[in-house]
Amino acid sequence: MDNMTTKARGTDVVLSPMCREIRSKKVFHLTSIPMTPDDVIDLSNHCWCRVTQQVVGPDGNRVHPTTCTSDRSCYKSHFE
């Protein structure tokens, strides 16, 4: 098993590079899953969590595509 998969409910789940709950104005114009920080961040450099509707996620840490990864307790893969 590599770092892009995890065991969940007895099956392998492929992990996306960033949480599915991250939002920015740029995300609403995407036609596919964001795979790099450039897919999320625009010139305003502003993003937020869909769950909290703030720049802080449910775990109390700041939202950013480089930190909203599977290492965080609130992370949710796009493939779940």
PDB file of N, CA and C in Angstrom:
ATOM      1  N   MET A   1       0.849  -1.168   0.000  1.00  0.00           N
ATOM      2  CA  MET A   1       0.000   0.000   0.000  1.00  0.00           C
ATOM      3  C   MET A   1       0.904   1.244   0.000  1.00  0.00           C
ATOM      4  N   ASP A   2       0.649   2.185  -0.891  1.00  0.00           N
ATOM      5  CA  ASP A   2       1.464   3.395  -0.933  1.00  0.00           C
ATOM      6  C   ASP A   2       0.778   4.522  -0.165  1.00  0.00           C
ATOM      7  N   ASN A   3       1.371   5.735  -0.219  1.00  0.00           N
ATOM      8  CA  ASN A   3       0.827   6.853   0.545  1.00  0.00           C
ATOM      9  C   ASN A   3      -0.419   7.465  -0.091  1.00  0.00           C
ATOM     10  N   MET A   4      -0.866   6.969  -1.224  1.00  0.00           N
ATOM     11  CA  MET A   4      -2.070   7.491  -1.862  1.00  0.00           C
ATOM     12  C   MET A   4      -3.279   6.580  -1.641  1.00  0.00           C
ATOM     13  N   THR A   5      -3.119   5.543  -0.817  1.00  0.00           N
ATOM     14  CA  THR A   5      -4.252   4.685  -0.469  1.00  0.00           C
ATOM     15  C   THR A   5      -4.283   4.479   1.031  1.00  0.00           C
ATOM     16  N   THR A   6      -5.437   4.116   1.534  1.00  0.00           N
ATOM     17  CA  THR A   6      -5.579   3.838   2.960  1.00  0.00           C
ATOM     18  C   THR A   6      -6.640   2.768   3.136  1.00  0.00           C
ATOM     19  N   LYS A   7      -6.600   2.070   4.254  1.00  0.00           N
ATOM     20  CA  LYS A   7      -7.627   1.089   4.570  1.00  0.00           C
ATOM     21  C   LYS A   7      -8.783   1.794   5.254  1.00  0.00           C
ATOM     22  N   ALA A   8      -9.974   1.650   4.711  1.00  0.00           N
ATOM     23  CA  ALA A   8     -11.166   2.242   5.317  1.00  0.00           C
ATOM     24  C   ALA A   8     -12.325   1.279   5.137  1.00  0.00           C
ATOM     25  N   ARG A   9     -12.968   0.928   6.221  1.00  0.00           N
ATOM     26  CA  ARG A   9     -14.107   0.022   6.180  1.00  0.00           C
ATOM     27  C   ARG A   9     -13.786  -1.271   5.425  1.00  0.00           C
ATOM     28  N   GLY A  10     -12.531  -1.751   5.581  1.00  0.00           N
ATOM     29  CA  GLY A  10     -12.160  -3.029   4.996  1.00  0.00           C
ATOM     30  C   GLY A  10     -11.821  -2.985   3.519  1.00  0.00           C
ATOM     31  N   THR A  11     -11.792  -1.823   2.887  1.00  0.00           N
ATOM     32  CA  THR A  11     -11.446  -1.721   1.474  1.00  0.00           C
ATOM     33  C   THR A  11     -10.380  -0.659   1.280  1.00  0.00           C
ATOM     34  N   ASP A  12      -9.647  -0.762   0.177  1.00  0.00           N
ATOM     35  CA  ASP A  12      -8.665   0.269  -0.144  1.00  0.00           C
ATOM     36  C   ASP A  12      -9.385   1.480  -0.708  1.00  0.00           C
ATOM     37  N   VAL A  13      -9.032   2.669  -0.214  1.00  0.00           N
ATOM     38  CA  VAL A  13      -9.594   3.918  -0.714  1.00  0.00           C
ATOM     39  C   VAL A  13      -8.450   4.729  -1.294  1.00  0.00           C
ATOM     40  N   VAL A  14      -8.579   5.139  -2.534  1.00  0.00           N
ATOM     41  CA  VAL A  14      -7.565   5.985  -3.154  1.00  0.00           C
ATOM     42  C   VAL A  14      -7.710   7.392  -2.579  1.00  0.00           C
ATOM     43  N   LEU A  15      -6.602   7.989  -2.183  1.00  0.00           N
ATOM     44  CA  LEU A  15      -6.627   9.320  -1.595  1.00  0.00           C
ATOM     45  C   LEU A  15      -6.309  10.370  -2.647  1.00  0.00           C
ATOM     46  N   SER A  16      -7.074  11.429  -2.635  1.00  0.00           N
ATOM     47  CA  SER A  16      -6.758  12.565  -3.491  1.00  0.00           C
ATOM     48  C   SER A  16      -5.705  13.405  -2.774  1.00  0.00           C
ATOM     49  N   PRO A  17      -4.972  14.239  -3.501  1.00  0.00           N
ATOM     50  CA  PRO A  17      -3.880  14.974  -2.869  1.00  0.00           C
ATOM     51  C   PRO A  17      -4.327  16.014  -1.842  1.00  0.00           C
ATOM     52  N   MET A  18      -5.567  16.480  -1.916  1.00  0.00           N
ATOM     53  CA  MET A  18      -6.067  17.440  -0.930  1.00  0.00           C
ATOM     54  C   MET A  18      -7.506  17.122  -0.593  1.00  0.00           C
ATOM     55  N   CYS A  19      -7.956  17.634   0.517  1.00  0.00           N
ATOM     56  CA  CYS A  19      -9.296  17.353   1.027  1.00  0.00           C
ATOM     57  C   CYS A  19     -10.388  17.826   0.066  1.00  0.00           C
ATOM     58  N   ARG A  20     -11.446  17.061  -0.014  1.00  0.00           N
ATOM     59  CA  ARG A  20     -12.564  17.425  -0.893  1.00  0.00           C
ATOM     60  C   ARG A  20     -13.367  18.609  -0.366  1.00  0.00           C
ATOM     61  N   GLU A  21     -13.135  19.018   0.866  1.00  0.00           N
ATOM     62  CA  GLU A  21     -13.899  20.116   1.459  1.00  0.00           C
ATOM     63  C   GLU A  21     -13.264  21.487   1.250  1.00  0.00           C
ATOM     64  N   ILE A  22     -12.073  21.544   0.672  1.00  0.00           N
ATOM     65  CA  ILE A  22     -11.425  22.834   0.446  1.00  0.00           C
ATOM     66  C   ILE A  22     -12.128  23.574  -0.694  1.00  0.00           C
ATOM     67  N   ARG A  23     -12.319  24.863  -0.498  1.00  0.00           N
ATOM     68  CA  ARG A  23     -13.026  25.685  -1.487  1.00  0.00           C
ATOM     69  C   ARG A  23     -12.271  26.988  -1.735  1.00  0.00           C
ATOM     70  N   SER A  24     -12.441  27.511  -2.922  1.00  0.00           N
ATOM     71  CA  SER A  24     -11.975  28.835  -3.313  1.00  0.00           C
ATOM     72  C   SER A  24     -12.836  29.244  -4.500  1.00  0.00           C
ATOM     73  N   LYS A  25     -12.760  30.473  -4.897  1.00  0.00           N
ATOM     74  CA  LYS A  25     -13.528  30.891  -6.078  1.00  0.00           C
ATOM     75  C   LYS A  25     -13.118  30.082  -7.301  1.00  0.00           C
ATOM     76  N   LYS A  26     -11.854  29.769  -7.393  1.00  0.00           N
ATOM     77  CA  LYS A  26     -11.323  29.031  -8.541  1.00  0.00           C
ATOM     78  C   LYS A  26     -11.887  27.608  -8.623  1.00  0.00           C
ATOM     79  N   VAL A  27     -12.150  26.986  -7.477  1.00  0.00           N
ATOM     80  CA  VAL A  27     -12.642  25.604  -7.443  1.00  0.00           C
ATOM     81  C   VAL A  27     -13.987  25.470  -8.162  1.00  0.00           C
ATOM     82  N   PHE A  28     -14.808  26.496  -8.102  1.00  0.00           N
ATOM     83  CA  PHE A  28     -16.131  26.428  -8.716  1.00  0.00           C
ATOM     84  C   PHE A  28     -16.082  26.414 -10.241  1.00  0.00           C
ATOM     85  N   HIS A  29     -14.919  26.674 -10.819  1.00  0.00           N
ATOM     86  CA  HIS A  29     -14.773  26.676 -12.272  1.00  0.00           C
ATOM     87  C   HIS A  29     -14.042  25.440 -12.788  1.00  0.00           C
ATOM     88  N   LEU A  30     -13.638  24.561 -11.897  1.00  0.00           N
ATOM     89  CA  LEU A  30     -12.913  23.354 -12.304  1.00  0.00           C
ATOM     90  C   LEU A  30     -13.857  22.342 -12.941  1.00  0.00           C
ATOM     91  N   THR A  31     -13.326  21.580 -13.855  1.00  0.00           N
ATOM     92  CA  THR A  31     -14.100  20.504 -14.476  1.00  0.00           C
ATOM     93  C   THR A  31     -13.591  19.129 -14.050  1.00  0.00           C
ATOM     94  N   SER A  32     -12.594  19.130 -13.148  1.00  0.00           N
ATOM     95  CA  SER A  32     -12.068  17.872 -12.621  1.00  0.00           C
ATOM     96  C   SER A  32     -11.598  18.101 -11.183  1.00  0.00           C
ATOM     97  N   ILE A  33     -11.181  17.041 -10.542  1.00  0.00           N
ATOM     98  CA  ILE A  33     -10.706  17.113  -9.162  1.00  0.00           C
ATOM     99  C   ILE A  33      -9.424  17.938  -9.107  1.00  0.00           C
ATOM    100  N   PRO A  34      -9.308  18.869  -8.163  1.00  0.00           N
ATOM    101  CA  PRO A  34      -8.056  19.614  -8.038  1.00  0.00           C
ATOM    102  C   PRO A  34      -6.925  18.679  -7.622  1.00  0.00           C
ATOM    103  N   MET A  35      -5.842  18.727  -8.349  1.00  0.00           N
ATOM    104  CA  MET A  35      -4.716  17.837  -8.077  1.00  0.00           C
ATOM    105  C   MET A  35      -3.473  18.575  -7.586  1.00  0.00           C
ATOM    106  N   THR A  36      -3.422  19.886  -7.796  1.00  0.00           N
ATOM    107  CA  THR A  36      -2.280  20.677  -7.353  1.00  0.00           C
ATOM    108  C   THR A  36      -2.791  21.933  -6.642  1.00  0.00           C
ATOM    109  N   PRO A  37      -1.973  22.554  -5.817  1.00  0.00           N
ATOM    110  CA  PRO A  37      -2.389  23.806  -5.176  1.00  0.00           C
ATOM    111  C   PRO A  37      -2.796  24.878  -6.191  1.00  0.00           C
ATOM    112  N   ASP A  38      -2.161  24.908  -7.352  1.00  0.00           N
ATOM    113  CA  ASP A  38      -2.517  25.879  -8.392  1.00  0.00           C
ATOM    114  C   ASP A  38      -3.944  25.695  -8.904  1.00  0.00           C
ATOM    115  N   ASP A  39      -4.491  24.497  -8.759  1.00  0.00           N
ATOM    116  CA  ASP A  39      -5.884  24.256  -9.156  1.00  0.00           C
ATOM    117  C   ASP A  39      -6.856  24.929  -8.195  1.00  0.00           C
ATOM    118  N   VAL A  40      -6.411  25.248  -6.990  1.00  0.00           N
ATOM    119  CA  VAL A  40      -7.273  25.819  -5.949  1.00  0.00           C
ATOM    120  C   VAL A  40      -7.009  27.301  -5.729  1.00  0.00           C
ATOM    121  N   ILE A  41      -5.743  27.650  -5.595  1.00  0.00           N
ATOM    122  CA  ILE A  41      -5.379  29.017  -5.226  1.00  0.00           C
ATOM    123  C   ILE A  41      -5.367  29.935  -6.444  1.00  0.00           C
ATOM    124  N   ASP A  42      -6.038  31.084  -6.307  1.00  0.00           N
ATOM    125  CA  ASP A  42      -5.999  32.106  -7.352  1.00  0.00           C
ATOM    126  C   ASP A  42      -5.176  33.288  -6.846  1.00  0.00           C
ATOM    127  N   LEU A  43      -5.228  34.399  -7.537  1.00  0.00           N
ATOM    128  CA  LEU A  43      -4.408  35.554  -7.149  1.00  0.00           C
ATOM    129  C   LEU A  43      -4.761  36.110  -5.774  1.00  0.00           C
ATOM    130  N   SER A  44      -5.978  35.876  -5.308  1.00  0.00           N
ATOM    131  CA  SER A  44      -6.356  36.367  -3.976  1.00  0.00           C
ATOM    132  C   SER A  44      -5.734  35.532  -2.859  1.00  0.00           C
ATOM    133  N   ASN A  45      -5.294  34.314  -3.182  1.00  0.00           N
ATOM    134  CA  ASN A  45      -4.698  33.388  -2.220  1.00  0.00           C
ATOM    135  C   ASN A  45      -5.657  33.062  -1.074  1.00  0.00           C
ATOM    136  N   HIS A  46      -6.962  33.098  -1.351  1.00  0.00           N
ATOM    137  CA  HIS A  46      -7.970  32.859  -0.319  1.00  0.00           C
ATOM    138  C   HIS A  46      -8.698  31.543  -0.573  1.00  0.00           C
ATOM    139  N   CYS A  47      -8.773  30.721   0.463  1.00  0.00           N
ATOM    140  CA  CYS A  47      -9.554  29.489   0.385  1.00  0.00           C
ATOM    141  C   CYS A  47     -10.182  29.246   1.754  1.00  0.00           C
ATOM    142  N   TRP A  48     -11.160  28.343   1.792  1.00  0.00           N
ATOM    143  CA  TRP A  48     -11.875  28.061   3.041  1.00  0.00           C
ATOM    144  C   TRP A  48     -12.344  26.622   3.044  1.00  0.00           C
ATOM    145  N   CYS A  49     -12.812  26.193   4.194  1.00  0.00           N
ATOM    146  CA  CYS A  49     -13.349  24.844   4.367  1.00  0.00           C
ATOM    147  C   CYS A  49     -14.860  24.874   4.157  1.00  0.00           C
ATOM    148  N   ARG A  50     -15.371  23.953   3.381  1.00  0.00           N
ATOM    149  CA  ARG A  50     -16.807  23.883   3.143  1.00  0.00           C
ATOM    150  C   ARG A  50     -17.564  23.530   4.426  1.00  0.00           C
ATOM    151  N   VAL A  51     -16.959  22.759   5.283  1.00  0.00           N
ATOM    152  CA  VAL A  51     -17.613  22.318   6.513  1.00  0.00           C
ATOM    153  C   VAL A  51     -17.769  23.463   7.503  1.00  0.00           C
ATOM    154  N   THR A  52     -16.693  24.219   7.731  1.00  0.00           N
ATOM    155  CA  THR A  52     -16.732  25.294   8.722  1.00  0.00           C
ATOM    156  C   THR A  52     -17.122  26.639   8.106  1.00  0.00           C
ATOM    157  N   GLN A  53     -17.005  26.751   6.786  1.00  0.00           N
ATOM    158  CA  GLN A  53     -17.239  28.016   6.079  1.00  0.00           C
ATOM    159  C   GLN A  53     -16.278  29.101   6.546  1.00  0.00           C
ATOM    160  N   GLN A  54     -15.092  28.692   6.982  1.00  0.00           N
ATOM    161  CA  GLN A  54     -14.077  29.620   7.464  1.00  0.00           C
ATOM    162  C   GLN A  54     -12.704  29.199   6.953  1.00  0.00           C
ATOM    163  N   VAL A  55     -11.709  30.017   7.232  1.00  0.00           N
ATOM    164  CA  VAL A  55     -10.342  29.699   6.808  1.00  0.00           C
ATOM    165  C   VAL A  55      -9.676  28.715   7.768  1.00  0.00           C
ATOM    166  N   VAL A  56     -10.423  28.257   8.756  1.00  0.00           N
ATOM    167  CA  VAL A  56      -9.957  27.262   9.715  1.00  0.00           C
ATOM    168  C   VAL A  56     -10.818  26.012   9.557  1.00  0.00           C
ATOM    169  N   GLY A  57     -10.174  24.856   9.490  1.00  0.00           N
ATOM    170  CA  GLY A  57     -10.905  23.607   9.344  1.00  0.00           C
ATOM    171  C   GLY A  57     -11.460  23.099  10.657  1.00  0.00           C
ATOM    172  N   PRO A  58     -12.192  21.981  10.628  1.00  0.00           N
ATOM    173  CA  PRO A  58     -12.775  21.404  11.842  1.00  0.00           C
ATOM    174  C   PRO A  58     -11.737  21.028  12.898  1.00  0.00           C
ATOM    175  N   ASP A  59     -10.501  20.813  12.475  1.00  0.00           N
ATOM    176  CA  ASP A  59      -9.450  20.455  13.435  1.00  0.00           C
ATOM    177  C   ASP A  59      -8.765  21.679  14.041  1.00  0.00           C
ATOM    178  N   GLY A  60      -9.210  22.878  13.665  1.00  0.00           N
ATOM    179  CA  GLY A  60      -8.653  24.098  14.228  1.00  0.00           C
ATOM    180  C   GLY A  60      -7.446  24.649  13.492  1.00  0.00           C
ATOM    181  N   ASN A  61      -7.012  23.974  12.441  1.00  0.00           N
ATOM    182  CA  ASN A  61      -5.855  24.426  11.670  1.00  0.00           C
ATOM    183  C   ASN A  61      -6.285  25.174  10.417  1.00  0.00           C
ATOM    184  N   ARG A  62      -5.397  26.032   9.937  1.00  0.00           N
ATOM    185  CA  ARG A  62      -5.668  26.871   8.786  1.00  0.00           C
ATOM    186  C   ARG A  62      -5.853  26.034   7.511  1.00  0.00           C
ATOM    187  N   VAL A  63      -6.749  26.478   6.656  1.00  0.00           N
ATOM    188  CA  VAL A  63      -7.047  25.809   5.388  1.00  0.00           C
ATOM    189  C   VAL A  63      -6.094  26.306   4.301  1.00  0.00           C
ATOM    190  N   HIS A  64      -5.468  25.379   3.609  1.00  0.00           N
ATOM    191  CA  HIS A  64      -4.622  25.689   2.455  1.00  0.00           C
ATOM    192  C   HIS A  64      -4.412  24.370   1.706  1.00  0.00           C
ATOM    193  N   PRO A  65      -4.346  24.408   0.386  1.00  0.00           N
ATOM    194  CA  PRO A  65      -4.212  23.153  -0.357  1.00  0.00           C
ATOM    195  C   PRO A  65      -2.940  22.368  -0.044  1.00  0.00           C
ATOM    196  N   THR A  66      -1.916  23.033   0.453  1.00  0.00           N
ATOM    197  CA  THR A  66      -0.692  22.301   0.795  1.00  0.00           C
ATOM    198  C   THR A  66      -0.758  21.668   2.179  1.00  0.00           C
ATOM    199  N   THR A  67      -1.733  22.069   2.999  1.00  0.00           N
ATOM    200  CA  THR A  67      -1.845  21.502   4.341  1.00  0.00           C
ATOM    201  C   THR A  67      -3.123  20.687   4.542  1.00  0.00           C
ATOM    202  N   CYS A  68      -4.091  20.829   3.667  1.00  0.00           N
ATOM    203  CA  CYS A  68      -5.344  20.051   3.771  1.00  0.00           C
ATOM    204  C   CYS A  68      -5.148  18.714   3.071  1.00  0.00           C
ATOM    205  N   THR A  69      -4.341  17.880   3.708  1.00  0.00           N
ATOM    206  CA  THR A  69      -3.964  16.581   3.141  1.00  0.00           C
ATOM    207  C   THR A  69      -4.399  15.455   4.083  1.00  0.00           C
ATOM    208  N   SER A  70      -4.100  14.249   3.701  1.00  0.00           N
ATOM    209  CA  SER A  70      -4.529  13.080   4.479  1.00  0.00           C
ATOM    210  C   SER A  70      -3.898  13.019   5.862  1.00  0.00           C
ATOM    211  N   ASP A  71      -2.936  13.855   6.163  1.00  0.00           N
ATOM    212  CA  ASP A  71      -2.328  13.900   7.498  1.00  0.00           C
ATOM    213  C   ASP A  71      -3.255  14.516   8.539  1.00  0.00           C
ATOM    214  N   ARG A  72      -4.281  15.232   8.097  1.00  0.00           N
ATOM    215  CA  ARG A  72      -5.193  15.905   9.040  1.00  0.00           C
ATOM    216  C   ARG A  72      -6.373  15.017   9.391  1.00  0.00           C
ATOM    217  N   SER A  73      -6.848  15.147  10.618  1.00  0.00           N
ATOM    218  CA  SER A  73      -7.943  14.300  11.100  1.00  0.00           C
ATOM    219  C   SER A  73      -9.266  14.577  10.383  1.00  0.00           C
ATOM    220  N   CYS A  74      -9.440  15.760   9.829  1.00  0.00           N
ATOM    221  CA  CYS A  74     -10.701  16.117   9.174  1.00  0.00           C
ATOM    222  C   CYS A  74     -10.681  15.850   7.669  1.00  0.00           C
ATOM    223  N   TYR A  75      -9.570  15.349   7.142  1.00  0.00           N
ATOM    224  CA  TYR A  75      -9.415  15.089   5.704  1.00  0.00           C
ATOM    225  C   TYR A  75     -10.468  14.120   5.175  1.00  0.00           C
ATOM    226  N   LYS A  76     -11.009  14.430   3.992  1.00  0.00           N
ATOM    227  CA  LYS A  76     -11.908  13.523   3.280  1.00  0.00           C
ATOM    228  C   LYS A  76     -11.453  13.461   1.825  1.00  0.00           C
ATOM    229  N   SER A  77     -11.243  12.263   1.335  1.00  0.00           N
ATOM    230  CA  SER A  77     -10.794  12.080  -0.043  1.00  0.00           C
ATOM    231  C   SER A  77     -11.928  12.351  -1.022  1.00  0.00           C
ATOM    232  N   HIS A  78     -11.580  12.822  -2.203  1.00  0.00           N
ATOM    233  CA  HIS A  78     -12.563  12.996  -3.273  1.00  0.00           C
ATOM    234  C   HIS A  78     -13.098  11.639  -3.743  1.00  0.00           C
ATOM    235  N   PHE A  79     -12.391  10.576  -3.453  1.00  0.00           N
ATOM    236  CA  PHE A  79     -12.748   9.251  -3.959  1.00  0.00           C
ATOM    237  C   PHE A  79     -13.553   8.402  -2.975  1.00  0.00           C
ATOM    238  N   GLU A  80     -13.885   8.951  -1.811  1.00  0.00           N
ATOM    239  CA  GLU A  80     -14.664   8.193  -0.823  1.00  0.00           C
ATOM    240  C   GLU A  80     -16.119   8.200  -1.204  1.00  0.00           C
TER     241      GLU A  80
END
